[in-house]
Amino acid sequence: MKQYIEERTVDIANYIINNNATVRQAAKQFGVSKSTVHKDVTDRLPHINSALAKEARKILNVNKAERHIRGGLATREKYQHNS
């Protein structure tokens, strides 16, 4: 694996952990796609730093469990502003 990919992967994981960030937020911050962030954290990071991978995975699992709630709140807020 190329050095810059390893560095990006670790940087993304640290960003997710430090900011409790979603995949979308991390992708926007680093200028890469959501699928790149997901591949970095789930596939590449365990080979680079398994402890960091476990921490990042915990946050992503919480975000995944809460995403339907966030979507509902965003929809509700959208229609409250339109009324």
PDB file of N, CA and C in Angstrom:
ATOM      1  N   MET A   1       0.846  -1.181   0.000  1.00  0.00           N
ATOM      2  CA  MET A   1       0.000   0.000   0.000  1.00  0.00           C
ATOM      3  C   MET A   1       0.889   1.242   0.000  1.00  0.00           C
ATOM      4  N   LYS A   2       0.484   2.239  -0.746  1.00  0.00           N
ATOM      5  CA  LYS A   2       1.277   3.462  -0.846  1.00  0.00           C
ATOM      6  C   LYS A   2       1.218   4.237   0.462  1.00  0.00           C
ATOM      7  N   GLN A   3       2.286   4.952   0.729  1.00  0.00           N
ATOM      8  CA  GLN A   3       2.425   5.685   1.988  1.00  0.00           C
ATOM      9  C   GLN A   3       1.309   6.721   2.188  1.00  0.00           C
ATOM     10  N   TYR A   4       0.968   7.460   1.137  1.00  0.00           N
ATOM     11  CA  TYR A   4      -0.044   8.511   1.293  1.00  0.00           C
ATOM     12  C   TYR A   4      -1.415   7.918   1.618  1.00  0.00           C
ATOM     13  N   ILE A   5      -1.687   6.706   1.151  1.00  0.00           N
ATOM     14  CA  ILE A   5      -2.970   6.060   1.468  1.00  0.00           C
ATOM     15  C   ILE A   5      -2.995   5.664   2.939  1.00  0.00           C
ATOM     16  N   GLU A   6      -1.892   5.133   3.427  1.00  0.00           N
ATOM     17  CA  GLU A   6      -1.816   4.778   4.849  1.00  0.00           C
ATOM     18  C   GLU A   6      -1.983   6.011   5.727  1.00  0.00           C
ATOM     19  N   GLU A   7      -1.315   7.100   5.362  1.00  0.00           N
ATOM     20  CA  GLU A   7      -1.417   8.338   6.141  1.00  0.00           C
ATOM     21  C   GLU A   7      -2.844   8.875   6.119  1.00  0.00           C
ATOM     22  N   ARG A   8      -3.464   8.864   4.947  1.00  0.00           N
ATOM     23  CA  ARG A   8      -4.847   9.338   4.840  1.00  0.00           C
ATOM     24  C   ARG A   8      -5.774   8.488   5.689  1.00  0.00           C
ATOM     25  N   THR A   9      -5.564   7.179   5.657  1.00  0.00           N
ATOM     26  CA  THR A   9      -6.409   6.265   6.408  1.00  0.00           C
ATOM     27  C   THR A   9      -6.331   6.551   7.905  1.00  0.00           C
ATOM     28  N   VAL A  10      -5.133   6.732   8.416  1.00  0.00           N
ATOM     29  CA  VAL A  10      -4.957   7.035   9.844  1.00  0.00           C
ATOM     30  C   VAL A  10      -5.536   8.408  10.171  1.00  0.00           C
ATOM     31  N   ASP A  11      -5.322   9.386   9.303  1.00  0.00           N
ATOM     32  CA  ASP A  11      -5.862  10.730   9.522  1.00  0.00           C
ATOM     33  C   ASP A  11      -7.389  10.716   9.560  1.00  0.00           C
ATOM     34  N   ILE A  12      -7.999   9.981   8.649  1.00  0.00           N
ATOM     35  CA  ILE A  12      -9.461   9.886   8.617  1.00  0.00           C
ATOM     36  C   ILE A  12      -9.975   9.240   9.892  1.00  0.00           C
ATOM     37  N   ALA A  13      -9.337   8.161  10.320  1.00  0.00           N
ATOM     38  CA  ALA A  13      -9.767   7.474  11.541  1.00  0.00           C
ATOM     39  C   ALA A  13      -9.651   8.398  12.750  1.00  0.00           C
ATOM     40  N   ASN A  14      -8.548   9.124  12.852  1.00  0.00           N
ATOM     41  CA  ASN A  14      -8.389  10.069  13.966  1.00  0.00           C
ATOM     42  C   ASN A  14      -9.446  11.162  13.917  1.00  0.00           C
ATOM     43  N   TYR A  15      -9.757  11.641  12.729  1.00  0.00           N
ATOM     44  CA  TYR A  15     -10.788  12.678  12.581  1.00  0.00           C
ATOM     45  C   TYR A  15     -12.148  12.153  13.050  1.00  0.00           C
ATOM     46  N   ILE A  16     -12.481  10.937  12.635  1.00  0.00           N
ATOM     47  CA  ILE A  16     -13.759  10.338  13.027  1.00  0.00           C
ATOM     48  C   ILE A  16     -13.824  10.184  14.547  1.00  0.00           C
ATOM     49  N   ILE A  17     -12.757   9.714  15.145  1.00  0.00           N
ATOM     50  CA  ILE A  17     -12.732   9.495  16.592  1.00  0.00           C
ATOM     51  C   ILE A  17     -12.780  10.818  17.349  1.00  0.00           C
ATOM     52  N   ASN A  18     -11.955  11.777  16.952  1.00  0.00           N
ATOM     53  CA  ASN A  18     -11.874  13.048  17.686  1.00  0.00           C
ATOM     54  C   ASN A  18     -13.124  13.909  17.544  1.00  0.00           C
ATOM     55  N   ASN A  19     -13.793  13.819  16.392  1.00  0.00           N
ATOM     56  CA  ASN A  19     -14.949  14.677  16.136  1.00  0.00           C
ATOM     57  C   ASN A  19     -16.271  13.935  16.168  1.00  0.00           C
ATOM     58  N   ASN A  20     -16.230  12.646  16.479  1.00  0.00           N
ATOM     59  CA  ASN A  20     -17.443  11.829  16.470  1.00  0.00           C
ATOM     60  C   ASN A  20     -18.156  12.000  15.127  1.00  0.00           C
ATOM     61  N   ALA A  21     -17.376  11.968  14.067  1.00  0.00           N
ATOM     62  CA  ALA A  21     -17.845  12.328  12.732  1.00  0.00           C
ATOM     63  C   ALA A  21     -18.492  11.153  12.010  1.00  0.00           C
ATOM     64  N   THR A  22     -19.350  11.487  11.067  1.00  0.00           N
ATOM     65  CA  THR A  22     -19.953  10.494  10.196  1.00  0.00           C
ATOM     66  C   THR A  22     -19.044  10.283   8.988  1.00  0.00           C
ATOM     67  N   VAL A  23     -19.378   9.272   8.204  1.00  0.00           N
ATOM     68  CA  VAL A  23     -18.612   9.006   6.979  1.00  0.00           C
ATOM     69  C   VAL A  23     -18.717  10.202   6.036  1.00  0.00           C
ATOM     70  N   ARG A  24     -19.901  10.778   5.919  1.00  0.00           N
ATOM     71  CA  ARG A  24     -20.087  11.950   5.051  1.00  0.00           C
ATOM     72  C   ARG A  24     -19.230  13.127   5.494  1.00  0.00           C
ATOM     73  N   GLN A  25     -19.212  13.391   6.787  1.00  0.00           N
ATOM     74  CA  GLN A  25     -18.418  14.504   7.300  1.00  0.00           C
ATOM     75  C   GLN A  25     -16.932  14.277   7.034  1.00  0.00           C
ATOM     76  N   ALA A  26     -16.460  13.066   7.256  1.00  0.00           N
ATOM     77  CA  ALA A  26     -15.050  12.751   7.015  1.00  0.00           C
ATOM     78  C   ALA A  26     -14.718  12.870   5.531  1.00  0.00           C
ATOM     79  N   ALA A  27     -15.611  12.388   4.680  1.00  0.00           N
ATOM     80  CA  ALA A  27     -15.377  12.462   3.236  1.00  0.00           C
ATOM     81  C   ALA A  27     -15.271  13.910   2.785  1.00  0.00           C
ATOM     82  N   LYS A  28     -16.150  14.753   3.291  1.00  0.00           N
ATOM     83  CA  LYS A  28     -16.126  16.168   2.918  1.00  0.00           C
ATOM     84  C   LYS A  28     -14.849  16.844   3.422  1.00  0.00           C
ATOM     85  N   GLN A  29     -14.452  16.518   4.631  1.00  0.00           N
ATOM     86  CA  GLN A  29     -13.260  17.112   5.228  1.00  0.00           C
ATOM     87  C   GLN A  29     -11.993  16.762   4.446  1.00  0.00           C
ATOM     88  N   PHE A  30     -11.898  15.522   3.978  1.00  0.00           N
ATOM     89  CA  PHE A  30     -10.677  15.068   3.313  1.00  0.00           C
ATOM     90  C   PHE A  30     -10.763  15.105   1.795  1.00  0.00           C
ATOM     91  N   GLY A  31     -11.910  15.494   1.260  1.00  0.00           N
ATOM     92  CA  GLY A  31     -12.054  15.635  -0.181  1.00  0.00           C
ATOM     93  C   GLY A  31     -12.022  14.310  -0.924  1.00  0.00           C
ATOM     94  N   VAL A  32     -12.562  13.276  -0.309  1.00  0.00           N
ATOM     95  CA  VAL A  32     -12.654  11.959  -0.942  1.00  0.00           C
ATOM     96  C   VAL A  32     -14.108  11.506  -0.893  1.00  0.00           C
ATOM     97  N   SER A  33     -14.401  10.392  -1.551  1.00  0.00           N
ATOM     98  CA  SER A  33     -15.781   9.895  -1.567  1.00  0.00           C
ATOM     99  C   SER A  33     -16.111   9.139  -0.279  1.00  0.00           C
ATOM    100  N   LYS A  34     -17.407   8.963  -0.051  1.00  0.00           N
ATOM    101  CA  LYS A  34     -17.850   8.194   1.114  1.00  0.00           C
ATOM    102  C   LYS A  34     -17.346   6.761   1.032  1.00  0.00           C
ATOM    103  N   SER A  35     -17.339   6.202  -0.165  1.00  0.00           N
ATOM    104  CA  SER A  35     -16.879   4.820  -0.312  1.00  0.00           C
ATOM    105  C   SER A  35     -15.386   4.699  -0.015  1.00  0.00           C
ATOM    106  N   THR A  36     -14.614   5.728  -0.318  1.00  0.00           N
ATOM    107  CA  THR A  36     -13.187   5.717   0.010  1.00  0.00           C
ATOM    108  C   THR A  36     -12.990   5.740   1.518  1.00  0.00           C
ATOM    109  N   VAL A  37     -13.745   6.589   2.205  1.00  0.00           N
ATOM    110  CA  VAL A  37     -13.661   6.651   3.667  1.00  0.00           C
ATOM    111  C   VAL A  37     -14.034   5.303   4.259  1.00  0.00           C
ATOM    112  N   HIS A  38     -15.117   4.731   3.772  1.00  0.00           N
ATOM    113  CA  HIS A  38     -15.573   3.444   4.299  1.00  0.00           C
ATOM    114  C   HIS A  38     -14.527   2.358   4.057  1.00  0.00           C
ATOM    115  N   LYS A  39     -13.963   2.310   2.868  1.00  0.00           N
ATOM    116  CA  LYS A  39     -12.935   1.301   2.558  1.00  0.00           C
ATOM    117  C   LYS A  39     -11.692   1.511   3.410  1.00  0.00           C
ATOM    118  N   ASP A  40     -11.295   2.764   3.578  1.00  0.00           N
ATOM    119  CA  ASP A  40     -10.126   3.051   4.417  1.00  0.00           C
ATOM    120  C   ASP A  40     -10.333   2.543   5.840  1.00  0.00           C
ATOM    121  N   VAL A  41     -11.479   2.868   6.418  1.00  0.00           N
ATOM    122  CA  VAL A  41     -11.710   2.543   7.831  1.00  0.00           C
ATOM    123  C   VAL A  41     -11.993   1.062   8.041  1.00  0.00           C
ATOM    124  N   THR A  42     -12.738   0.433   7.151  1.00  0.00           N
ATOM    125  CA  THR A  42     -13.124  -0.957   7.381  1.00  0.00           C
ATOM    126  C   THR A  42     -12.135  -1.966   6.826  1.00  0.00           C
ATOM    127  N   ASP A  43     -11.486  -1.683   5.693  1.00  0.00           N
ATOM    128  CA  ASP A  43     -10.593  -2.660   5.072  1.00  0.00           C
ATOM    129  C   ASP A  43      -9.111  -2.380   5.335  1.00  0.00           C
ATOM    130  N   ARG A  44      -8.691  -1.152   5.140  1.00  0.00           N
ATOM    131  CA  ARG A  44      -7.260  -0.838   5.217  1.00  0.00           C
ATOM    132  C   ARG A  44      -6.775  -0.622   6.642  1.00  0.00           C
ATOM    133  N   LEU A  45      -7.549   0.073   7.453  1.00  0.00           N
ATOM    134  CA  LEU A  45      -7.101   0.448   8.788  1.00  0.00           C
ATOM    135  C   LEU A  45      -6.795  -0.747   9.687  1.00  0.00           C
ATOM    136  N   PRO A  46      -7.577  -1.819   9.676  1.00  0.00           N
ATOM    137  CA  PRO A  46      -7.217  -2.954  10.540  1.00  0.00           C
ATOM    138  C   PRO A  46      -5.828  -3.529  10.256  1.00  0.00           C
ATOM    139  N   HIS A  47      -5.340  -3.415   9.038  1.00  0.00           N
ATOM    140  CA  HIS A  47      -4.003  -3.901   8.710  1.00  0.00           C
ATOM    141  C   HIS A  47      -2.911  -2.927   9.155  1.00  0.00           C
ATOM    142  N   ILE A  48      -3.294  -1.659   9.302  1.00  0.00           N
ATOM    143  CA  ILE A  48      -2.324  -0.627   9.685  1.00  0.00           C
ATOM    144  C   ILE A  48      -2.250  -0.483  11.196  1.00  0.00           C
ATOM    145  N   ASN A  49      -3.429  -0.344  11.827  1.00  0.00           N
ATOM    146  CA  ASN A  49      -3.498  -0.108  13.273  1.00  0.00           C
ATOM    147  C   ASN A  49      -4.817  -0.678  13.783  1.00  0.00           C
ATOM    148  N   SER A  50      -4.784  -1.868  14.328  1.00  0.00           N
ATOM    149  CA  SER A  50      -6.028  -2.545  14.710  1.00  0.00           C
ATOM    150  C   SER A  50      -6.737  -1.862  15.880  1.00  0.00           C
ATOM    151  N   ALA A  51      -5.994  -1.299  16.817  1.00  0.00           N
ATOM    152  CA  ALA A  51      -6.622  -0.618  17.954  1.00  0.00           C
ATOM    153  C   ALA A  51      -7.386   0.616  17.477  1.00  0.00           C
ATOM    154  N   LEU A  52      -6.777   1.373  16.596  1.00  0.00           N
ATOM    155  CA  LEU A  52      -7.426   2.560  16.032  1.00  0.00           C
ATOM    156  C   LEU A  52      -8.652   2.155  15.219  1.00  0.00           C
ATOM    157  N   ALA A  53      -8.545   1.048  14.508  1.00  0.00           N
ATOM    158  CA  ALA A  53      -9.670   0.548  13.706  1.00  0.00           C
ATOM    159  C   ALA A  53     -10.867   0.202  14.584  1.00  0.00           C
ATOM    160  N   LYS A  54     -10.619  -0.398  15.720  1.00  0.00           N
ATOM    161  CA  LYS A  54     -11.717  -0.764  16.632  1.00  0.00           C
ATOM    162  C   LYS A  54     -12.420   0.476  17.169  1.00  0.00           C
ATOM    163  N   GLU A  55     -11.643   1.500  17.529  1.00  0.00           N
ATOM    164  CA  GLU A  55     -12.241   2.742  18.035  1.00  0.00           C
ATOM    165  C   GLU A  55     -13.084   3.428  16.961  1.00  0.00           C
ATOM    166  N   ALA A  56     -12.555   3.527  15.760  1.00  0.00           N
ATOM    167  CA  ALA A  56     -13.290   4.164  14.669  1.00  0.00           C
ATOM    168  C   ALA A  56     -14.543   3.365  14.332  1.00  0.00           C
ATOM    169  N   ARG A  57     -14.436   2.053  14.353  1.00  0.00           N
ATOM    170  CA  ARG A  57     -15.579   1.186  14.035  1.00  0.00           C
ATOM    171  C   ARG A  57     -16.708   1.369  15.042  1.00  0.00           C
ATOM    172  N   LYS A  58     -16.372   1.573  16.319  1.00  0.00           N
ATOM    173  CA  LYS A  58     -17.396   1.804  17.350  1.00  0.00           C
ATOM    174  C   LYS A  58     -18.225   3.044  16.999  1.00  0.00           C
ATOM    175  N   ILE A  59     -17.545   4.102  16.628  1.00  0.00           N
ATOM    176  CA  ILE A  59     -18.242   5.355  16.306  1.00  0.00           C
ATOM    177  C   ILE A  59     -19.085   5.184  15.049  1.00  0.00           C
ATOM    178  N   LEU A  60     -18.546   4.520  14.040  1.00  0.00           N
ATOM    179  CA  LEU A  60     -19.320   4.303  12.813  1.00  0.00           C
ATOM    180  C   LEU A  60     -20.536   3.421  13.064  1.00  0.00           C
ATOM    181  N   ASN A  61     -20.417   2.458  13.948  1.00  0.00           N
ATOM    182  CA  ASN A  61     -21.572   1.614  14.275  1.00  0.00           C
ATOM    183  C   ASN A  61     -22.661   2.406  14.988  1.00  0.00           C
ATOM    184  N   VAL A  62     -22.270   3.305  15.880  1.00  0.00           N
ATOM    185  CA  VAL A  62     -23.252   4.166  16.557  1.00  0.00           C
ATOM    186  C   VAL A  62     -23.935   5.060  15.529  1.00  0.00           C
ATOM    187  N   ASN A  63     -23.153   5.653  14.630  1.00  0.00           N
ATOM    188  CA  ASN A  63     -23.726   6.516  13.595  1.00  0.00           C
ATOM    189  C   ASN A  63     -24.691   5.745  12.707  1.00  0.00           C
ATOM    190  N   LYS A  64     -24.340   4.519  12.377  1.00  0.00           N
ATOM    191  CA  LYS A  64     -25.197   3.696  11.538  1.00  0.00           C
ATOM    192  C   LYS A  64     -26.510   3.379  12.252  1.00  0.00           C
ATOM    193  N   ALA A  65     -26.427   3.130  13.550  1.00  0.00           N
ATOM    194  CA  ALA A  65     -27.633   2.818  14.320  1.00  0.00           C
ATOM    195  C   ALA A  65     -28.546   4.037  14.461  1.00  0.00           C
ATOM    196  N   GLU A  66     -27.969   5.224  14.440  1.00  0.00           N
ATOM    197  CA  GLU A  66     -28.745   6.447  14.647  1.00  0.00           C
ATOM    198  C   GLU A  66     -29.180   7.125  13.352  1.00  0.00           C
ATOM    199  N   ARG A  67     -28.746   6.643  12.213  1.00  0.00           N
ATOM    200  CA  ARG A  67     -28.985   7.381  10.967  1.00  0.00           C
ATOM    201  C   ARG A  67     -30.453   7.539  10.624  1.00  0.00           C
ATOM    202  N   HIS A  68     -31.278   6.557  10.947  1.00  0.00           N
ATOM    203  CA  HIS A  68     -32.704   6.693  10.637  1.00  0.00           C
ATOM    204  C   HIS A  68     -33.345   7.784  11.485  1.00  0.00           C
ATOM    205  N   ILE A  69     -32.835   7.988  12.685  1.00  0.00           N
ATOM    206  CA  ILE A  69     -33.354   9.049  13.552  1.00  0.00           C
ATOM    207  C   ILE A  69     -32.945  10.413  13.002  1.00  0.00           C
ATOM    208  N   ARG A  70     -31.690  10.546  12.585  1.00  0.00           N
ATOM    209  CA  ARG A  70     -31.216  11.807  12.012  1.00  0.00           C
ATOM    210  C   ARG A  70     -31.998  12.177  10.757  1.00  0.00           C
ATOM    211  N   GLY A  71     -32.268  11.179   9.936  1.00  0.00           N
ATOM    212  CA  GLY A  71     -33.026  11.427   8.707  1.00  0.00           C
ATOM    213  C   GLY A  71     -34.424  11.921   9.011  1.00  0.00           C
ATOM    214  N   GLY A  72     -35.063  11.326  10.000  1.00  0.00           N
ATOM    215  CA  GLY A  72     -36.411  11.753  10.387  1.00  0.00           C
ATOM    216  C   GLY A  72     -36.416  13.162  10.942  1.00  0.00           C
ATOM    217  N   LEU A  73     -35.421  13.492  11.737  1.00  0.00           N
ATOM    218  CA  LEU A  73     -35.333  14.845  12.296  1.00  0.00           C
ATOM    219  C   LEU A  73     -35.076  15.875  11.200  1.00  0.00           C
ATOM    220  N   ALA A  74     -34.250  15.531  10.238  1.00  0.00           N
ATOM    221  CA  ALA A  74     -33.972  16.451   9.139  1.00  0.00           C
ATOM    222  C   ALA A  74     -35.227  16.692   8.305  1.00  0.00           C
ATOM    223  N   THR A  75     -35.991  15.648   8.076  1.00  0.00           N
ATOM    224  CA  THR A  75     -37.233  15.787   7.310  1.00  0.00           C
ATOM    225  C   THR A  75     -38.232  16.645   8.073  1.00  0.00           C
ATOM    226  N   ARG A  76     -38.351  16.395   9.372  1.00  0.00           N
ATOM    227  CA  ARG A  76     -39.286  17.175  10.188  1.00  0.00           C
ATOM    228  C   ARG A  76     -38.906  18.654  10.179  1.00  0.00           C
ATOM    229  N   GLU A  77     -37.618  18.926  10.335  1.00  0.00           N
ATOM    230  CA  GLU A  77     -37.167  20.314  10.342  1.00  0.00           C
ATOM    231  C   GLU A  77     -37.416  20.979   8.986  1.00  0.00           C
ATOM    232  N   LYS A  78     -37.212  20.242   7.916  1.00  0.00           N
ATOM    233  CA  LYS A  78     -37.452  20.763   6.562  1.00  0.00           C
ATOM    234  C   LYS A  78     -38.885  21.228   6.416  1.00  0.00           C
ATOM    235  N   TYR A  79     -39.834  20.409   6.845  1.00  0.00           N
ATOM    236  CA  TYR A  79     -41.231  20.756   6.658  1.00  0.00           C
ATOM    237  C   TYR A  79     -41.730  21.769   7.675  1.00  0.00           C
ATOM    238  N   GLN A  80     -41.103  21.884   8.805  1.00  0.00           N
ATOM    239  CA  GLN A  80     -41.473  22.934   9.758  1.00  0.00           C
ATOM    240  C   GLN A  80     -41.087  24.309   9.234  1.00  0.00           C
ATOM    241  N   HIS A  81     -39.963  24.385   8.516  1.00  0.00           N
ATOM    242  CA  HIS A  81     -39.544  25.664   7.960  1.00  0.00           C
ATOM    243  C   HIS A  81     -40.372  26.074   6.756  1.00  0.00           C
ATOM    244  N   ASN A  82     -40.946  25.103   6.048  1.00  0.00           N
ATOM    245  CA  ASN A  82     -41.741  25.392   4.865  1.00  0.00           C
ATOM    246  C   ASN A  82     -43.165  25.817   5.207  1.00  0.00           C
ATOM    247  N   SER A  83     -43.602  25.587   6.424  1.00  0.00           N
ATOM    248  CA  SER A  83     -44.984  25.920   6.803  1.00  0.00           C
ATOM    249  C   SER A  83     -45.139  27.364   7.163  1.00  0.00           C
TER     250      SER A  83
END
